[in-house]
Amino acid sequence: MRILEPYKNYFWEFYNSLHLKVKDKVDYVLQIVISQERIPAKFFKHLEDGIYEIRIEFKSDIYRIFAFFDDNKLVILLHGFQKKTQKTPRKEIVQAKKLRRDYYEDKK
């Protein structure tokens, strides 16, 4: 069982901006991330340098939430966005890495 921990308000700002049915799908996928020993690649993918994306599809819309592991058990949820292209935008990955750096600075 994994523990999900949002870093500051980045995740909540994204989550609270979503419609109720999309929130329900996000909740469903996060429950899979929490409870499955091996998370299906459909929902969870390593991007680079320890940054992962939690993948949510609802109807024709695609959403991504960035995360990383801390102490091999903690998934720190960073920011999220609605994906509009096939490839994950570079600026979103750069933002996730910056937030991870900030997280470790705050943790000191």
PDB file of N, CA and C in Angstrom:
ATOM      1  N   MET A   1       0.849  -1.185   0.000  1.00  0.00           N
ATOM      2  CA  MET A   1       0.000   0.000   0.000  1.00  0.00           C
ATOM      3  C   MET A   1       0.892   1.245   0.000  1.00  0.00           C
ATOM      4  N   ARG A   2       0.653   2.124  -0.932  1.00  0.00           N
ATOM      5  CA  ARG A   2       1.428   3.367  -1.023  1.00  0.00           C
ATOM      6  C   ARG A   2       0.689   4.507  -0.335  1.00  0.00           C
ATOM      7  N   ILE A   3       1.453   5.452   0.108  1.00  0.00           N
ATOM      8  CA  ILE A   3       0.890   6.668   0.685  1.00  0.00           C
ATOM      9  C   ILE A   3       1.040   7.766  -0.358  1.00  0.00           C
ATOM     10  N   LEU A   4      -0.035   8.460  -0.653  1.00  0.00           N
ATOM     11  CA  LEU A   4       0.016   9.597  -1.568  1.00  0.00           C
ATOM     12  C   LEU A   4       0.088  10.871  -0.750  1.00  0.00           C
ATOM     13  N   GLU A   5       1.033  11.698  -1.086  1.00  0.00           N
ATOM     14  CA  GLU A   5       1.193  12.961  -0.363  1.00  0.00           C
ATOM     15  C   GLU A   5       1.328  14.102  -1.355  1.00  0.00           C
ATOM     16  N   PRO A   6       0.328  14.957  -1.457  1.00  0.00           N
ATOM     17  CA  PRO A   6       0.465  16.119  -2.345  1.00  0.00           C
ATOM     18  C   PRO A   6       1.500  17.100  -1.786  1.00  0.00           C
ATOM     19  N   TYR A   7       2.302  17.661  -2.682  1.00  0.00           N
ATOM     20  CA  TYR A   7       3.275  18.663  -2.289  1.00  0.00           C
ATOM     21  C   TYR A   7       2.637  20.044  -2.422  1.00  0.00           C
ATOM     22  N   LYS A   8       2.577  20.742  -1.310  1.00  0.00           N
ATOM     23  CA  LYS A   8       1.937  22.062  -1.230  1.00  0.00           C
ATOM     24  C   LYS A   8       0.533  21.980  -1.834  1.00  0.00           C
ATOM     25  N   ASN A   9       0.113  23.004  -2.584  1.00  0.00           N
ATOM     26  CA  ASN A   9      -1.254  23.016  -3.130  1.00  0.00           C
ATOM     27  C   ASN A   9      -1.318  22.753  -4.626  1.00  0.00           C
ATOM     28  N   TYR A  10      -0.193  22.375  -5.243  1.00  0.00           N
ATOM     29  CA  TYR A  10      -0.168  22.234  -6.698  1.00  0.00           C
ATOM     30  C   TYR A  10      -1.175  21.198  -7.190  1.00  0.00           C
ATOM     31  N   PHE A  11      -1.180  20.044  -6.554  1.00  0.00           N
ATOM     32  CA  PHE A  11      -2.124  19.003  -6.966  1.00  0.00           C
ATOM     33  C   PHE A  11      -3.550  19.452  -6.717  1.00  0.00           C
ATOM     34  N   TRP A  12      -3.827  20.025  -5.540  1.00  0.00           N
ATOM     35  CA  TRP A  12      -5.202  20.403  -5.193  1.00  0.00           C
ATOM     36  C   TRP A  12      -5.747  21.493  -6.106  1.00  0.00           C
ATOM     37  N   GLU A  13      -4.899  22.416  -6.533  1.00  0.00           N
ATOM     38  CA  GLU A  13      -5.349  23.446  -7.471  1.00  0.00           C
ATOM     39  C   GLU A  13      -5.806  22.805  -8.777  1.00  0.00           C
ATOM     40  N   PHE A  14      -5.031  21.841  -9.249  1.00  0.00           N
ATOM     41  CA  PHE A  14      -5.408  21.118 -10.463  1.00  0.00           C
ATOM     42  C   PHE A  14      -6.699  20.320 -10.232  1.00  0.00           C
ATOM     43  N   TYR A  15      -6.719  19.546  -9.175  1.00  0.00           N
ATOM     44  CA  TYR A  15      -7.856  18.662  -8.875  1.00  0.00           C
ATOM     45  C   TYR A  15      -9.150  19.461  -8.711  1.00  0.00           C
ATOM     46  N   ASN A  16      -9.091  20.550  -7.971  1.00  0.00           N
ATOM     47  CA  ASN A  16     -10.294  21.354  -7.716  1.00  0.00           C
ATOM     48  C   ASN A  16     -10.817  22.057  -8.964  1.00  0.00           C
ATOM     49  N   SER A  17      -9.992  22.164  -9.997  1.00  0.00           N
ATOM     50  CA  SER A  17     -10.443  22.810 -11.235  1.00  0.00           C
ATOM     51  C   SER A  17     -11.201  21.842 -12.150  1.00  0.00           C
ATOM     52  N   LEU A  18     -11.200  20.557 -11.806  1.00  0.00           N
ATOM     53  CA  LEU A  18     -11.805  19.533 -12.667  1.00  0.00           C
ATOM     54  C   LEU A  18     -13.301  19.401 -12.413  1.00  0.00           C
ATOM     55  N   HIS A  19     -14.019  18.930 -13.437  1.00  0.00           N
ATOM     56  CA  HIS A  19     -15.439  18.615 -13.293  1.00  0.00           C
ATOM     57  C   HIS A  19     -15.596  17.368 -12.423  1.00  0.00           C
ATOM     58  N   LEU A  20     -16.744  17.211 -11.810  1.00  0.00           N
ATOM     59  CA  LEU A  20     -16.997  16.122 -10.866  1.00  0.00           C
ATOM     60  C   LEU A  20     -16.706  14.743 -11.457  1.00  0.00           C
ATOM     61  N   LYS A  21     -17.141  14.467 -12.671  1.00  0.00           N
ATOM     62  CA  LYS A  21     -16.928  13.141 -13.270  1.00  0.00           C
ATOM     63  C   LYS A  21     -15.450  12.886 -13.537  1.00  0.00           C
ATOM     64  N   VAL A  22     -14.710  13.924 -13.872  1.00  0.00           N
ATOM     65  CA  VAL A  22     -13.263  13.778 -14.065  1.00  0.00           C
ATOM     66  C   VAL A  22     -12.604  13.513 -12.711  1.00  0.00           C
ATOM     67  N   LYS A  23     -13.044  14.211 -11.671  1.00  0.00           N
ATOM     68  CA  LYS A  23     -12.522  13.963 -10.329  1.00  0.00           C
ATOM     69  C   LYS A  23     -12.751  12.513  -9.917  1.00  0.00           C
ATOM     70  N   ASP A  24     -13.926  11.975 -10.240  1.00  0.00           N
ATOM     71  CA  ASP A  24     -14.217  10.576  -9.929  1.00  0.00           C
ATOM     72  C   ASP A  24     -13.222   9.644 -10.613  1.00  0.00           C
ATOM     73  N   LYS A  25     -12.882   9.935 -11.860  1.00  0.00           N
ATOM     74  CA  LYS A  25     -11.911   9.107 -12.586  1.00  0.00           C
ATOM     75  C   LYS A  25     -10.519   9.256 -11.986  1.00  0.00           C
ATOM     76  N   VAL A  26     -10.148  10.482 -11.605  1.00  0.00           N
ATOM     77  CA  VAL A  26      -8.858  10.710 -10.949  1.00  0.00           C
ATOM     78  C   VAL A  26      -8.807   9.906  -9.650  1.00  0.00           C
ATOM     79  N   ASP A  27      -9.878   9.963  -8.867  1.00  0.00           N
ATOM     80  CA  ASP A  27      -9.934   9.204  -7.607  1.00  0.00           C
ATOM     81  C   ASP A  27      -9.762   7.709  -7.864  1.00  0.00           C
ATOM     82  N   TYR A  28     -10.416   7.204  -8.902  1.00  0.00           N
ATOM     83  CA  TYR A  28     -10.324   5.785  -9.255  1.00  0.00           C
ATOM     84  C   TYR A  28      -8.876   5.395  -9.586  1.00  0.00           C
ATOM     85  N   VAL A  29      -8.220   6.198 -10.423  1.00  0.00           N
ATOM     86  CA  VAL A  29      -6.842   5.902 -10.822  1.00  0.00           C
ATOM     87  C   VAL A  29      -5.895   6.025  -9.623  1.00  0.00           C
ATOM     88  N   LEU A  30      -6.092   7.028  -8.783  1.00  0.00           N
ATOM     89  CA  LEU A  30      -5.235   7.175  -7.603  1.00  0.00           C
ATOM     90  C   LEU A  30      -5.411   5.994  -6.652  1.00  0.00           C
ATOM     91  N   GLN A  31      -6.610   5.440  -6.575  1.00  0.00           N
ATOM     92  CA  GLN A  31      -6.835   4.253  -5.741  1.00  0.00           C
ATOM     93  C   GLN A  31      -6.042   3.067  -6.284  1.00  0.00           C
ATOM     94  N   ILE A  32      -5.953   2.953  -7.594  1.00  0.00           N
ATOM     95  CA  ILE A  32      -5.128   1.900  -8.202  1.00  0.00           C
ATOM     96  C   ILE A  32      -3.662   2.118  -7.846  1.00  0.00           C
ATOM     97  N   VAL A  33      -3.193   3.356  -7.945  1.00  0.00           N
ATOM     98  CA  VAL A  33      -1.800   3.678  -7.607  1.00  0.00           C
ATOM     99  C   VAL A  33      -1.510   3.322  -6.152  1.00  0.00           C
ATOM    100  N   ILE A  34      -2.449   3.592  -5.278  1.00  0.00           N
ATOM    101  CA  ILE A  34      -2.273   3.308  -3.851  1.00  0.00           C
ATOM    102  C   ILE A  34      -2.247   1.799  -3.578  1.00  0.00           C
ATOM    103  N   SER A  35      -3.144   1.067  -4.202  1.00  0.00           N
ATOM    104  CA  SER A  35      -3.404  -0.302  -3.759  1.00  0.00           C
ATOM    105  C   SER A  35      -2.733  -1.406  -4.569  1.00  0.00           C
ATOM    106  N   GLN A  36      -2.361  -1.166  -5.803  1.00  0.00           N
ATOM    107  CA  GLN A  36      -1.795  -2.232  -6.635  1.00  0.00           C
ATOM    108  C   GLN A  36      -0.284  -2.341  -6.420  1.00  0.00           C
ATOM    109  N   GLU A  37       0.178  -3.567  -6.233  1.00  0.00           N
ATOM    110  CA  GLU A  37       1.619  -3.770  -6.084  1.00  0.00           C
ATOM    111  C   GLU A  37       2.338  -3.364  -7.371  1.00  0.00           C
ATOM    112  N   ARG A  38       1.800  -3.811  -8.497  1.00  0.00           N
ATOM    113  CA  ARG A  38       2.344  -3.419  -9.803  1.00  0.00           C
ATOM    114  C   ARG A  38       1.275  -2.603 -10.529  1.00  0.00           C
ATOM    115  N   ILE A  39       1.542  -1.332 -10.679  1.00  0.00           N
ATOM    116  CA  ILE A  39       0.574  -0.428 -11.300  1.00  0.00           C
ATOM    117  C   ILE A  39       0.614  -0.646 -12.814  1.00  0.00           C
ATOM    118  N   PRO A  40      -0.528  -0.882 -13.438  1.00  0.00           N
ATOM    119  CA  PRO A  40      -0.547  -1.062 -14.893  1.00  0.00           C
ATOM    120  C   PRO A  40       0.025   0.161 -15.616  1.00  0.00           C
ATOM    121  N   ALA A  41       0.783  -0.084 -16.682  1.00  0.00           N
ATOM    122  CA  ALA A  41       1.412   0.995 -17.451  1.00  0.00           C
ATOM    123  C   ALA A  41       0.374   1.952 -18.031  1.00  0.00           C
ATOM    124  N   LYS A  42      -0.830   1.476 -18.194  1.00  0.00           N
ATOM    125  CA  LYS A  42      -1.902   2.337 -18.688  1.00  0.00           C
ATOM    126  C   LYS A  42      -2.123   3.541 -17.767  1.00  0.00           C
ATOM    127  N   PHE A  43      -1.819   3.360 -16.461  1.00  0.00           N
ATOM    128  CA  PHE A  43      -2.071   4.403 -15.468  1.00  0.00           C
ATOM    129  C   PHE A  43      -0.814   5.068 -14.919  1.00  0.00           C
ATOM    130  N   PHE A  44       0.358   4.487 -15.164  1.00  0.00           N
ATOM    131  CA  PHE A  44       1.559   4.971 -14.480  1.00  0.00           C
ATOM    132  C   PHE A  44       2.764   4.740 -15.377  1.00  0.00           C
ATOM    133  N   LYS A  45       3.535   5.791 -15.642  1.00  0.00           N
ATOM    134  CA  LYS A  45       4.666   5.663 -16.552  1.00  0.00           C
ATOM    135  C   LYS A  45       5.844   6.486 -16.053  1.00  0.00           C
ATOM    136  N   HIS A  46       7.042   5.885 -16.101  1.00  0.00           N
ATOM    137  CA  HIS A  46       8.260   6.627 -15.793  1.00  0.00           C
ATOM    138  C   HIS A  46       8.604   7.488 -16.996  1.00  0.00           C
ATOM    139  N   LEU A  47       8.843   8.773 -16.750  1.00  0.00           N
ATOM    140  CA  LEU A  47       9.212   9.678 -17.839  1.00  0.00           C
ATOM    141  C   LEU A  47      10.715   9.805 -17.944  1.00  0.00           C
ATOM    142  N   GLU A  48      11.323  10.339 -16.875  1.00  0.00           N
ATOM    143  CA  GLU A  48      12.776  10.501 -16.847  1.00  0.00           C
ATOM    144  C   GLU A  48      13.205  10.953 -15.468  1.00  0.00           C
ATOM    145  N   ASP A  49      14.433  10.573 -15.115  1.00  0.00           N
ATOM    146  CA  ASP A  49      15.070  11.083 -13.905  1.00  0.00           C
ATOM    147  C   ASP A  49      14.185  10.952 -12.656  1.00  0.00           C
ATOM    148  N   GLY A  50      13.471   9.821 -12.523  1.00  0.00           N
ATOM    149  CA  GLY A  50      12.654   9.598 -11.331  1.00  0.00           C
ATOM    150  C   GLY A  50      11.321  10.318 -11.306  1.00  0.00           C
ATOM    151  N   ILE A  51      10.964  10.968 -12.391  1.00  0.00           N
ATOM    152  CA  ILE A  51       9.655  11.626 -12.504  1.00  0.00           C
ATOM    153  C   ILE A  51       8.702  10.664 -13.217  1.00  0.00           C
ATOM    154  N   TYR A  52       7.544  10.470 -12.630  1.00  0.00           N
ATOM    155  CA  TYR A  52       6.515   9.600 -13.189  1.00  0.00           C
ATOM    156  C   TYR A  52       5.291  10.423 -13.530  1.00  0.00           C
ATOM    157  N   GLU A  53       4.478   9.891 -14.441  1.00  0.00           N
ATOM    158  CA  GLU A  53       3.195  10.522 -14.700  1.00  0.00           C
ATOM    159  C   GLU A  53       2.095   9.511 -14.404  1.00  0.00           C
ATOM    160  N   ILE A  54       1.090   9.991 -13.705  1.00  0.00           N
ATOM    161  CA  ILE A  54      -0.123   9.224 -13.462  1.00  0.00           C
ATOM    162  C   ILE A  54      -1.058   9.613 -14.591  1.00  0.00           C
ATOM    163  N   ARG A  55      -1.546   8.600 -15.308  1.00  0.00           N
ATOM    164  CA  ARG A  55      -2.260   8.836 -16.559  1.00  0.00           C
ATOM    165  C   ARG A  55      -3.757   8.596 -16.369  1.00  0.00           C
ATOM    166  N   ILE A  56      -4.550   9.605 -16.722  1.00  0.00           N
ATOM    167  CA  ILE A  56      -6.003   9.522 -16.581  1.00  0.00           C
ATOM    168  C   ILE A  56      -6.634   9.877 -17.923  1.00  0.00           C
ATOM    169  N   GLU A  57      -7.519   9.013 -18.387  1.00  0.00           N
ATOM    170  CA  GLU A  57      -8.292   9.314 -19.591  1.00  0.00           C
ATOM    171  C   GLU A  57      -9.759   9.358 -19.207  1.00  0.00           C
ATOM    172  N   PHE A  58     -10.438  10.386 -19.686  1.00  0.00           N
ATOM    173  CA  PHE A  58     -11.876  10.507 -19.472  1.00  0.00           C
ATOM    174  C   PHE A  58     -12.499  10.972 -20.767  1.00  0.00           C
ATOM    175  N   LYS A  59     -13.320  10.112 -21.339  1.00  0.00           N
ATOM    176  CA  LYS A  59     -13.888  10.365 -22.666  1.00  0.00           C
ATOM    177  C   LYS A  59     -12.730  10.617 -23.620  1.00  0.00           C
ATOM    178  N   SER A  60     -12.709  11.749 -24.301  1.00  0.00           N
ATOM    179  CA  SER A  60     -11.612  12.018 -25.240  1.00  0.00           C
ATOM    180  C   SER A  60     -10.527  12.901 -24.622  1.00  0.00           C
ATOM    181  N   ASP A  61     -10.641  13.204 -23.336  1.00  0.00           N
ATOM    182  CA  ASP A  61      -9.664  14.060 -22.671  1.00  0.00           C
ATOM    183  C   ASP A  61      -8.612  13.220 -21.953  1.00  0.00           C
ATOM    184  N   ILE A  62      -7.407  13.752 -21.913  1.00  0.00           N
ATOM    185  CA  ILE A  62      -6.285  13.078 -21.267  1.00  0.00           C
ATOM    186  C   ILE A  62      -5.709  14.027 -20.221  1.00  0.00           C
ATOM    187  N   TYR A  63      -5.501  13.495 -19.017  1.00  0.00           N
ATOM    188  CA  TYR A  63      -4.945  14.275 -17.915  1.00  0.00           C
ATOM    189  C   TYR A  63      -3.702  13.570 -17.397  1.00  0.00           C
ATOM    190  N   ARG A  64      -2.762  14.358 -16.906  1.00  0.00           N
ATOM    191  CA  ARG A  64      -1.535  13.807 -16.336  1.00  0.00           C
ATOM    192  C   ARG A  64      -1.264  14.486 -14.996  1.00  0.00           C
ATOM    193  N   ILE A  65      -0.806  13.678 -14.050  1.00  0.00           N
ATOM    194  CA  ILE A  65      -0.382  14.189 -12.751  1.00  0.00           C
ATOM    195  C   ILE A  65       1.040  13.688 -12.548  1.00  0.00           C
ATOM    196  N   PHE A  66       1.951  14.585 -12.233  1.00  0.00           N
ATOM    197  CA  PHE A  66       3.337  14.192 -12.027  1.00  0.00           C
ATOM    198  C   PHE A  66       3.571  13.779 -10.582  1.00  0.00           C
ATOM    199  N   ALA A  67       4.489  12.839 -10.417  1.00  0.00           N
ATOM    200  CA  ALA A  67       4.769  12.312  -9.085  1.00  0.00           C
ATOM    201  C   ALA A  67       6.204  11.795  -9.047  1.00  0.00           C
ATOM    202  N   PHE A  68       6.696  11.538  -7.844  1.00  0.00           N
ATOM    203  CA  PHE A  68       7.975  10.858  -7.647  1.00  0.00           C
ATOM    204  C   PHE A  68       7.910  10.123  -6.320  1.00  0.00           C
ATOM    205  N   PHE A  69       8.810   9.170  -6.151  1.00  0.00           N
ATOM    206  CA  PHE A  69       8.855   8.391  -4.915  1.00  0.00           C
ATOM    207  C   PHE A  69       9.834   9.020  -3.933  1.00  0.00           C
ATOM    208  N   ASP A  70       9.491   8.921  -2.659  1.00  0.00           N
ATOM    209  CA  ASP A  70      10.385   9.342  -1.587  1.00  0.00           C
ATOM    210  C   ASP A  70      10.402   8.219  -0.571  1.00  0.00           C
ATOM    211  N   ASP A  71      11.553   7.761  -0.175  1.00  0.00           N
ATOM    212  CA  ASP A  71      11.706   6.658   0.785  1.00  0.00           C
ATOM    213  C   ASP A  71      11.066   5.363   0.279  1.00  0.00           C
ATOM    214  N   ASN A  72      11.057   5.139  -1.027  1.00  0.00           N
ATOM    215  CA  ASN A  72      10.535   3.924  -1.662  1.00  0.00           C
ATOM    216  C   ASN A  72       9.085   3.595  -1.354  1.00  0.00           C
ATOM    217  N   LYS A  73       8.353   4.476  -0.732  1.00  0.00           N
ATOM    218  CA  LYS A  73       6.962   4.155  -0.452  1.00  0.00           C
ATOM    219  C   LYS A  73       6.022   5.337  -0.649  1.00  0.00           C
ATOM    220  N   LEU A  74       6.572   6.505  -0.694  1.00  0.00           N
ATOM    221  CA  LEU A  74       5.755   7.703  -0.716  1.00  0.00           C
ATOM    222  C   LEU A  74       5.674   8.243  -2.137  1.00  0.00           C
ATOM    223  N   VAL A  75       4.491   8.435  -2.641  1.00  0.00           N
ATOM    224  CA  VAL A  75       4.336   9.071  -3.944  1.00  0.00           C
ATOM    225  C   VAL A  75       3.944  10.513  -3.684  1.00  0.00           C
ATOM    226  N   ILE A  76       4.810  11.426  -4.045  1.00  0.00           N
ATOM    227  CA  ILE A  76       4.556  12.840  -3.840  1.00  0.00           C
ATOM    228  C   ILE A  76       3.881  13.366  -5.104  1.00  0.00           C
ATOM    229  N   LEU A  77       2.646  13.799  -4.989  1.00  0.00           N
ATOM    230  CA  LEU A  77       1.929  14.316  -6.143  1.00  0.00           C
ATOM    231  C   LEU A  77       2.315  15.763  -6.370  1.00  0.00           C
ATOM    232  N   LEU A  78       2.709  16.049  -7.584  1.00  0.00           N
ATOM    233  CA  LEU A  78       3.095  17.410  -7.932  1.00  0.00           C
ATOM    234  C   LEU A  78       1.936  18.077  -8.645  1.00  0.00           C
ATOM    235  N   HIS A  79       2.187  18.698  -9.736  1.00  0.00           N
ATOM    236  CA  HIS A  79       1.127  19.388 -10.472  1.00  0.00           C
ATOM    237  C   HIS A  79       0.511  18.456 -11.512  1.00  0.00           C
ATOM    238  N   GLY A  80      -0.591  18.885 -12.066  1.00  0.00           N
ATOM    239  CA  GLY A  80      -1.257  18.121 -13.115  1.00  0.00           C
ATOM    240  C   GLY A  80      -1.664  19.051 -14.238  1.00  0.00           C
ATOM    241  N   PHE A  81      -2.026  18.472 -15.367  1.00  0.00           N
ATOM    242  CA  PHE A  81      -2.468  19.276 -16.494  1.00  0.00           C
ATOM    243  C   PHE A  81      -3.298  18.422 -17.431  1.00  0.00           C
ATOM    244  N   GLN A  82      -4.046  19.084 -18.295  1.00  0.00           N
ATOM    245  CA  GLN A  82      -4.785  18.383 -19.329  1.00  0.00           C
ATOM    246  C   GLN A  82      -3.895  18.326 -20.558  1.00  0.00           C
ATOM    247  N   LYS A  83      -3.673  17.127 -21.036  1.00  0.00           N
ATOM    248  CA  LYS A  83      -2.763  16.919 -22.154  1.00  0.00           C
ATOM    249  C   LYS A  83      -3.489  17.188 -23.469  1.00  0.00           C
ATOM    250  N   LYS A  84      -2.845  17.967 -24.334  1.00  0.00           N
ATOM    251  CA  LYS A  84      -3.479  18.335 -25.602  1.00  0.00           C
ATOM    252  C   LYS A  84      -2.711  17.787 -26.806  1.00  0.00           C
ATOM    253  N   THR A  85      -1.528  17.219 -26.568  1.00  0.00           N
ATOM    254  CA  THR A  85      -0.715  16.677 -27.662  1.00  0.00           C
ATOM    255  C   THR A  85      -0.314  15.242 -27.333  1.00  0.00           C
ATOM    256  N   GLN A  86       0.227  14.536 -28.310  1.00  0.00           N
ATOM    257  CA  GLN A  86       0.667  13.157 -28.101  1.00  0.00           C
ATOM    258  C   GLN A  86       1.794  13.086 -27.079  1.00  0.00           C
ATOM    259  N   LYS A  87       2.736  13.992 -27.196  1.00  0.00           N
ATOM    260  CA  LYS A  87       3.926  13.963 -26.359  1.00  0.00           C
ATOM    261  C   LYS A  87       3.741  14.851 -25.129  1.00  0.00           C
ATOM    262  N   THR A  88       4.266  14.399 -23.989  1.00  0.00           N
ATOM    263  CA  THR A  88       4.206  15.206 -22.777  1.00  0.00           C
ATOM    264  C   THR A  88       5.080  16.451 -22.986  1.00  0.00           C
ATOM    265  N   PRO A  89       4.505  17.643 -22.832  1.00  0.00           N
ATOM    266  CA  PRO A  89       5.283  18.873 -23.060  1.00  0.00           C
ATOM    267  C   PRO A  89       6.508  18.964 -22.148  1.00  0.00           C
ATOM    268  N   ARG A  90       7.626  19.340 -22.746  1.00  0.00           N
ATOM    269  CA  ARG A  90       8.906  19.452 -22.018  1.00  0.00           C
ATOM    270  C   ARG A  90       8.775  20.386 -20.827  1.00  0.00           C
ATOM    271  N   LYS A  91       8.051  21.493 -20.987  1.00  0.00           N
ATOM    272  CA  LYS A  91       7.938  22.471 -19.896  1.00  0.00           C
ATOM    273  C   LYS A  91       7.255  21.863 -18.675  1.00  0.00           C
ATOM    274  N   GLU A  92       6.353  20.901 -18.884  1.00  0.00           N
ATOM    275  CA  GLU A  92       5.678  20.247 -17.760  1.00  0.00           C
ATOM    276  C   GLU A  92       6.654  19.354 -16.993  1.00  0.00           C
ATOM    277  N   ILE A  93       7.524  18.670 -17.708  1.00  0.00           N
ATOM    278  CA  ILE A  93       8.538  17.822 -17.056  1.00  0.00           C
ATOM    279  C   ILE A  93       9.530  18.692 -16.289  1.00  0.00           C
ATOM    280  N   VAL A  94       9.949  19.803 -16.895  1.00  0.00           N
ATOM    281  CA  VAL A  94      10.865  20.743 -16.226  1.00  0.00           C
ATOM    282  C   VAL A  94      10.218  21.268 -14.941  1.00  0.00           C
ATOM    283  N   GLN A  95       8.930  21.604 -15.010  1.00  0.00           N
ATOM    284  CA  GLN A  95       8.197  22.089 -13.827  1.00  0.00           C
ATOM    285  C   GLN A  95       8.167  21.013 -12.741  1.00  0.00           C
ATOM    286  N   ALA A  96       7.936  19.757 -13.120  1.00  0.00           N
ATOM    287  CA  ALA A  96       7.904  18.668 -12.142  1.00  0.00           C
ATOM    288  C   ALA A  96       9.259  18.514 -11.453  1.00  0.00           C
ATOM    289  N   LYS A  97      10.330  18.607 -12.215  1.00  0.00           N
ATOM    290  CA  LYS A  97      11.678  18.500 -11.621  1.00  0.00           C
ATOM    291  C   LYS A  97      11.950  19.658 -10.669  1.00  0.00           C
ATOM    292  N   LYS A  98      11.503  20.849 -11.030  1.00  0.00           N
ATOM    293  CA  LYS A  98      11.689  22.005 -10.151  1.00  0.00           C
ATOM    294  C   LYS A  98      10.929  21.809  -8.838  1.00  0.00           C
ATOM    295  N   LEU A  99       9.684  21.324  -8.936  1.00  0.00           N
ATOM    296  CA  LEU A  99       8.895  21.094  -7.722  1.00  0.00           C
ATOM    297  C   LEU A  99       9.517  20.006  -6.860  1.00  0.00           C
ATOM    298  N   ARG A 100      10.094  18.993  -7.478  1.00  0.00           N
ATOM    299  CA  ARG A 100      10.775  17.947  -6.699  1.00  0.00           C
ATOM    300  C   ARG A 100      11.976  18.541  -5.956  1.00  0.00           C
ATOM    301  N   ARG A 101      12.757  19.384  -6.638  1.00  0.00           N
ATOM    302  CA  ARG A 101      13.889  20.054  -5.972  1.00  0.00           C
ATOM    303  C   ARG A 101      13.398  20.883  -4.790  1.00  0.00           C
ATOM    304  N   ASP A 102      12.312  21.639  -5.003  1.00  0.00           N
ATOM    305  CA  ASP A 102      11.739  22.458  -3.932  1.00  0.00           C
ATOM    306  C   ASP A 102      11.305  21.580  -2.758  1.00  0.00           C
ATOM    307  N   TYR A 103      10.706  20.434  -3.064  1.00  0.00           N
ATOM    308  CA  TYR A 103      10.262  19.502  -2.026  1.00  0.00           C
ATOM    309  C   TYR A 103      11.438  19.074  -1.143  1.00  0.00           C
ATOM    310  N   TYR A 104      12.545  18.680  -1.764  1.00  0.00           N
ATOM    311  CA  TYR A 104      13.704  18.222  -0.988  1.00  0.00           C
ATOM    312  C   TYR A 104      14.355  19.377  -0.231  1.00  0.00           C
ATOM    313  N   GLU A 105      14.318  20.577  -0.789  1.00  0.00           N
ATOM    314  CA  GLU A 105      14.834  21.746  -0.047  1.00  0.00           C
ATOM    315  C   GLU A 105      13.967  22.002   1.184  1.00  0.00           C
ATOM    316  N   ASP A 106      12.656  21.929   1.025  1.00  0.00           N
ATOM    317  CA  ASP A 106      11.744  22.140   2.158  1.00  0.00           C
ATOM    318  C   ASP A 106      11.894  21.055   3.213  1.00  0.00           C
ATOM    319  N   LYS A 107      12.248  19.862   2.784  1.00  0.00           N
ATOM    320  CA  LYS A 107      12.354  18.714   3.686  1.00  0.00           C
ATOM    321  C   LYS A 107      13.575  18.808   4.604  1.00  0.00           C
ATOM    322  N   LYS A 108      14.598  19.542   4.169  1.00  0.00           N
ATOM    323  CA  LYS A 108      15.842  19.650   4.951  1.00  0.00           C
ATOM    324  C   LYS A 108      15.613  20.262   6.312  1.00  0.00           C
TER     325      LYS A 108
END
